[in-house]
Every structure is written in structure tokens, then in C-alpha cells.
Amino acid sequence: MFFMNLIFGLGNSGKQYEKTPHNAGFLVLDQIVKILDLGTFKKKFANSFFIKTKYQGKDFILIKPLTYMNNSGLVVLKFKNFYKEKNENLTIIHDDIDLPFGSFKQSFQAGSAGHKGVQSIIDALGNNDFYRLRIGICPYQKPDDLENYVIQKIPKAYEDIFFKSINNAAYFILEKLIGFQRVLSRKPSG
């Protein structure tokens, strides 16, 4: 049977959202594209930008829904149906206010925990039988105005740790899903 990983990074399109907590999914996909030197997201389908590629015989597609966060499920469902994929071959990457900056966590068959983008996907698919990689965006204290916080720029105090976790999450996806081996720099012996 044909097998393909569909990897969705959730976010909001538009320059004003580029380096915001809510765009963690987009940022992880951008980092994967950079690591594998895939160029840029150009192809359009089902109101998204995507890159279809292969690594060591494994096909996968990196997808950025352009529907804005709260309607991400529409894009996920269209790709799933077009490629006739099982839900367990879907991975959704998104921000999570319940995890601290610098962390990420994989889950399967988890509820949305109030994340409207994830809830949109659960509603569209009719279940939660998919993988998620949740990127931590919580500062020391949870913000009072969460809806505005997630669409503001990353607080300066957390920029370094946030973007380091984006890089680590990108490598985690590549290693977990396609067997990518990270080459660690070593000092020459002698």
C-alpha cells in the first residue's frame, strides 16, 4: 500500500504573524525545509502552500494551511482525502500554551485542550487519531489575554530558547518520521 506522511504546520499567513507564538507550526516546517535544502513553499493546493519531497525512499509532504488557524481542519481533510491517507499518517505541528518555552511534546489521540486550530482538525476528521507535535509557548507565567498574546511577537527574553526549540523540533520530526540522521560536528582527533 502507498504510504506518505502528511505533515501540517499550523499558523497564520501574513507578515504580521511571522514570528509569533501561534506560528510555531509554520516555523518548524520552515526549519525542515532549510535543513533539507528544499527551496521555498511554492505549490498551492486546497488553500495551502506545500512541498512534496522524498528522503531515503520515504515520501512526505510539508503543508502550511492558509485558512488561518481556526479553519485548519478544512485543509487537513482535503489533503487526507486526496492522498487517501489514514489519520495515523498525519502529523500536526502547533503551539501549546500549556508547555513552557523551549519544550515540545509528541502526542497521539489527544484532545484539543482549547486550541482552536486543533479542534478544527478534530471536527473535520471526526476523531483525534493523528499525531501532534506541540511546541511550548508559555512564558514564566501564563498570559491573561491569551488571544492577543499568541499573535504578538515572541517576547525578547524568550526568543533564543524558542527558536532553539523550533530547530530541535524540526530535527525530531525528521528523525522520527523519515529516519534522518543529524550529523553532529566533532573535533578532529589528534
Protein backbone atom coordinates (compact mmCIF):
# COMPACT_ATOMS: atom_id res chain seq x y z
CA MET A 1 0.00 0.00 0.00
CA PHE A 2 1.18 3.51 -0.82
CA PHE A 3 2.42 5.34 2.28
CA MET A 4 3.02 9.04 2.69
CA ASN A 5 3.42 11.22 5.73
CA LEU A 6 1.37 14.40 5.61
CA ILE A 7 2.98 16.94 7.95
CA PHE A 8 0.95 20.05 8.70
CA GLY A 9 2.40 23.12 10.38
CA LEU A 10 -0.30 25.35 11.82
CA GLY A 11 -0.07 29.11 11.74
CA ASN A 12 -1.50 32.29 10.27
CA SER A 13 -0.35 33.67 6.94
CA GLY A 14 0.76 37.27 6.68
CA LYS A 15 3.89 39.20 7.58
CA GLN A 16 2.43 40.46 10.87
CA TYR A 17 2.23 36.87 12.18
CA GLU A 18 5.65 35.62 11.06
CA LYS A 19 7.48 35.40 14.40
CA THR A 20 4.55 34.96 16.73
CA PRO A 21 3.89 32.05 19.11
CA HIS A 22 0.85 30.96 17.07
CA ASN A 23 3.11 30.36 14.05
CA ALA A 24 5.25 27.70 15.71
CA GLY A 25 4.00 25.09 13.21
CA PHE A 26 4.96 27.23 10.20
CA LEU A 27 8.36 27.92 11.76
CA VAL A 28 9.12 24.21 12.29
CA LEU A 29 8.25 23.48 8.65
CA ASP A 30 10.46 26.36 7.50
CA GLN A 31 13.32 24.87 9.52
CA ILE A 32 12.78 21.41 7.98
CA VAL A 33 12.87 22.98 4.52
CA LYS A 34 16.11 24.76 5.43
CA ILE A 35 17.73 21.60 6.87
CA LEU A 36 16.89 19.55 3.76
CA ASP A 37 17.58 22.48 1.38
CA LEU A 38 14.19 22.15 -0.33
CA GLY A 39 13.86 25.73 -1.52
CA THR A 40 10.62 27.54 -0.68
CA PHE A 41 6.93 26.74 -0.36
CA LYS A 42 5.52 27.49 -3.81
CA LYS A 43 2.95 24.90 -4.79
CA LYS A 44 -0.64 25.65 -3.91
CA PHE A 45 -3.46 23.19 -3.25
CA ALA A 46 -6.57 23.29 -1.07
CA ASN A 47 -5.81 26.79 0.22
CA SER A 48 -2.30 25.91 1.37
CA PHE A 49 1.33 26.07 0.37
CA PHE A 50 3.13 22.74 0.30
CA ILE A 51 6.33 20.96 -0.64
CA LYS A 52 6.23 17.33 -1.70
CA THR A 53 9.54 15.53 -1.39
CA LYS A 54 11.26 12.22 -0.76
CA TYR A 55 14.06 11.28 1.59
CA GLN A 56 15.70 7.83 1.56
CA GLY A 57 12.72 6.36 -0.27
CA LYS A 58 10.11 7.88 2.05
CA ASP A 59 7.56 10.27 0.56
CA PHE A 60 6.26 13.13 2.63
CA ILE A 61 4.55 16.46 2.19
CA LEU A 62 5.06 19.58 4.29
CA ILE A 63 1.85 21.64 4.34
CA LYS A 64 1.08 25.17 5.56
CA PRO A 65 -2.69 25.80 5.66
CA LEU A 66 -3.55 29.37 4.60
CA THR A 67 -7.06 29.33 6.08
CA TYR A 68 -5.89 30.93 9.32
CA MET A 69 -5.55 28.83 12.43
CA ASN A 70 -9.20 28.28 13.31
CA ASN A 71 -10.08 26.68 9.96
CA SER A 72 -7.03 24.41 9.58
CA GLY A 73 -9.24 21.31 9.52
CA LEU A 74 -10.53 22.16 6.03
CA VAL A 75 -7.04 21.85 4.55
CA VAL A 76 -6.13 18.74 6.56
CA LEU A 77 -9.28 16.94 5.40
CA LYS A 78 -8.71 17.84 1.72
CA PHE A 79 -5.13 16.51 1.75
CA LYS A 80 -6.14 13.38 3.68
CA ASN A 81 -8.91 12.60 1.21
CA PHE A 82 -6.84 13.47 -1.89
CA TYR A 83 -3.99 11.15 -0.86
CA LYS A 84 -6.37 8.58 0.70
CA GLU A 85 -4.29 8.59 3.88
CA LYS A 86 -5.15 7.14 7.23
CA ASN A 87 -5.38 9.63 10.08
CA GLU A 88 -2.44 8.00 11.84
CA ASN A 89 -0.22 9.10 8.92
CA LEU A 90 -0.98 12.75 9.70
CA THR A 91 1.23 14.88 11.91
CA ILE A 92 0.08 18.28 13.12
CA ILE A 93 2.67 20.74 14.49
CA HIS A 94 1.30 23.60 16.58
CA ASP A 95 1.87 25.94 19.51
CA ASP A 96 0.85 24.91 23.03
CA ILE A 97 0.37 27.39 25.88
CA ASP A 98 0.42 24.53 28.42
CA LEU A 99 4.09 23.80 27.66
CA PRO A 100 6.92 26.19 28.62
CA PHE A 101 9.14 27.93 26.09
CA GLY A 102 11.97 25.65 24.99
CA SER A 103 9.96 22.44 25.15
CA PHE A 104 7.96 20.29 22.77
CA LYS A 105 5.93 17.14 23.20
CA GLN A 106 4.56 14.47 20.91
CA SER A 107 1.07 13.12 21.47
CA PHE A 108 -1.45 10.85 19.77
CA GLN A 109 -5.23 10.79 20.13
CA ALA A 110 -5.19 13.79 22.46
CA GLY A 111 -7.95 16.37 22.87
CA SER A 112 -7.57 19.93 21.64
CA ALA A 113 -7.12 21.44 25.16
CA GLY A 114 -8.84 24.56 23.83
CA HIS A 115 -6.56 25.01 20.79
CA LYS A 116 -8.98 26.17 18.09
CA GLY A 117 -6.82 25.02 15.18
CA VAL A 118 -6.56 21.50 16.59
CA GLN A 119 -10.29 21.48 17.39
CA SER A 120 -10.98 22.42 13.77
CA ILE A 121 -8.97 19.37 12.65
CA ILE A 122 -10.73 17.03 15.11
CA ASP A 123 -14.11 18.34 13.89
CA ALA A 124 -13.17 17.95 10.20
CA LEU A 125 -11.77 14.42 10.59
CA GLY A 126 -14.40 13.27 13.07
CA ASN A 127 -11.79 11.94 15.50
CA ASN A 128 -8.37 12.65 17.02
CA ASP A 129 -6.48 9.65 15.60
CA PHE A 130 -3.49 11.69 14.46
CA TYR A 131 -0.07 12.64 15.80
CA ARG A 132 0.74 16.07 17.13
CA LEU A 133 3.96 17.83 17.97
CA ARG A 134 3.14 20.55 20.48
CA ILE A 135 5.62 23.44 20.71
CA GLY A 136 5.80 25.21 24.09
CA ILE A 137 4.99 28.93 24.06
CA CYS A 138 4.30 29.63 27.73
CA PRO A 139 6.47 32.22 29.46
CA TYR A 140 7.20 32.05 33.19
CA GLN A 141 3.59 33.00 33.92
CA LYS A 142 0.63 32.21 31.64
CA PRO A 143 -0.64 35.41 29.96
CA ASP A 144 -4.05 36.77 30.95
CA ASP A 145 -5.01 37.81 27.41
CA LEU A 146 -4.15 34.61 25.56
CA GLU A 147 -5.83 35.51 22.25
CA ASN A 148 -3.67 38.62 21.84
CA TYR A 149 -0.54 37.02 23.27
CA VAL A 150 -0.35 34.28 20.63
CA ILE A 151 -0.41 36.77 17.74
CA GLN A 152 2.20 39.17 19.19
CA LYS A 153 5.92 38.83 18.51
CA ILE A 154 7.83 36.35 20.68
CA PRO A 155 8.92 38.19 23.86
CA LYS A 156 12.60 39.17 23.55
CA ALA A 157 13.50 37.30 26.74
CA TYR A 158 12.34 34.02 25.16
CA GLU A 159 13.49 34.42 21.55
CA ASP A 160 16.67 32.33 21.82
CA ILE A 161 15.09 29.45 23.70
CA PHE A 162 12.02 29.47 21.44
CA PHE A 163 13.96 29.34 18.18
CA LYS A 164 16.28 26.67 19.59
CA SER A 165 13.22 24.54 20.36
CA ILE A 166 11.92 25.17 16.81
CA ASN A 167 15.21 23.79 15.45
CA ASN A 168 15.14 20.80 17.81
CA ALA A 169 11.51 20.07 16.92
CA ALA A 170 12.39 20.12 13.20
CA TYR A 171 15.14 17.56 13.75
CA PHE A 172 12.81 15.48 15.93
CA ILE A 173 10.24 15.33 13.09
CA LEU A 174 12.90 14.40 10.55
CA GLU A 175 14.45 11.73 12.75
CA LYS A 176 11.13 10.26 13.89
CA LEU A 177 9.25 10.26 10.60
CA ILE A 178 11.84 9.75 7.92
CA GLY A 179 14.91 8.40 9.71
CA PHE A 180 17.02 11.49 9.04
CA GLN A 181 20.36 11.27 10.82
CA ARG A 182 21.70 14.51 12.23
CA VAL A 183 25.40 14.94 11.59
CA LEU A 184 26.98 16.26 14.75
CA SER A 185 30.12 18.30 14.42
CA ARG A 186 33.16 16.71 16.03
CA LYS A 187 36.61 17.97 16.78
CA PRO A 188 39.24 16.23 14.73
CA SER A 189 41.25 13.73 16.75
CA GLY A 190 44.96 14.07 17.04
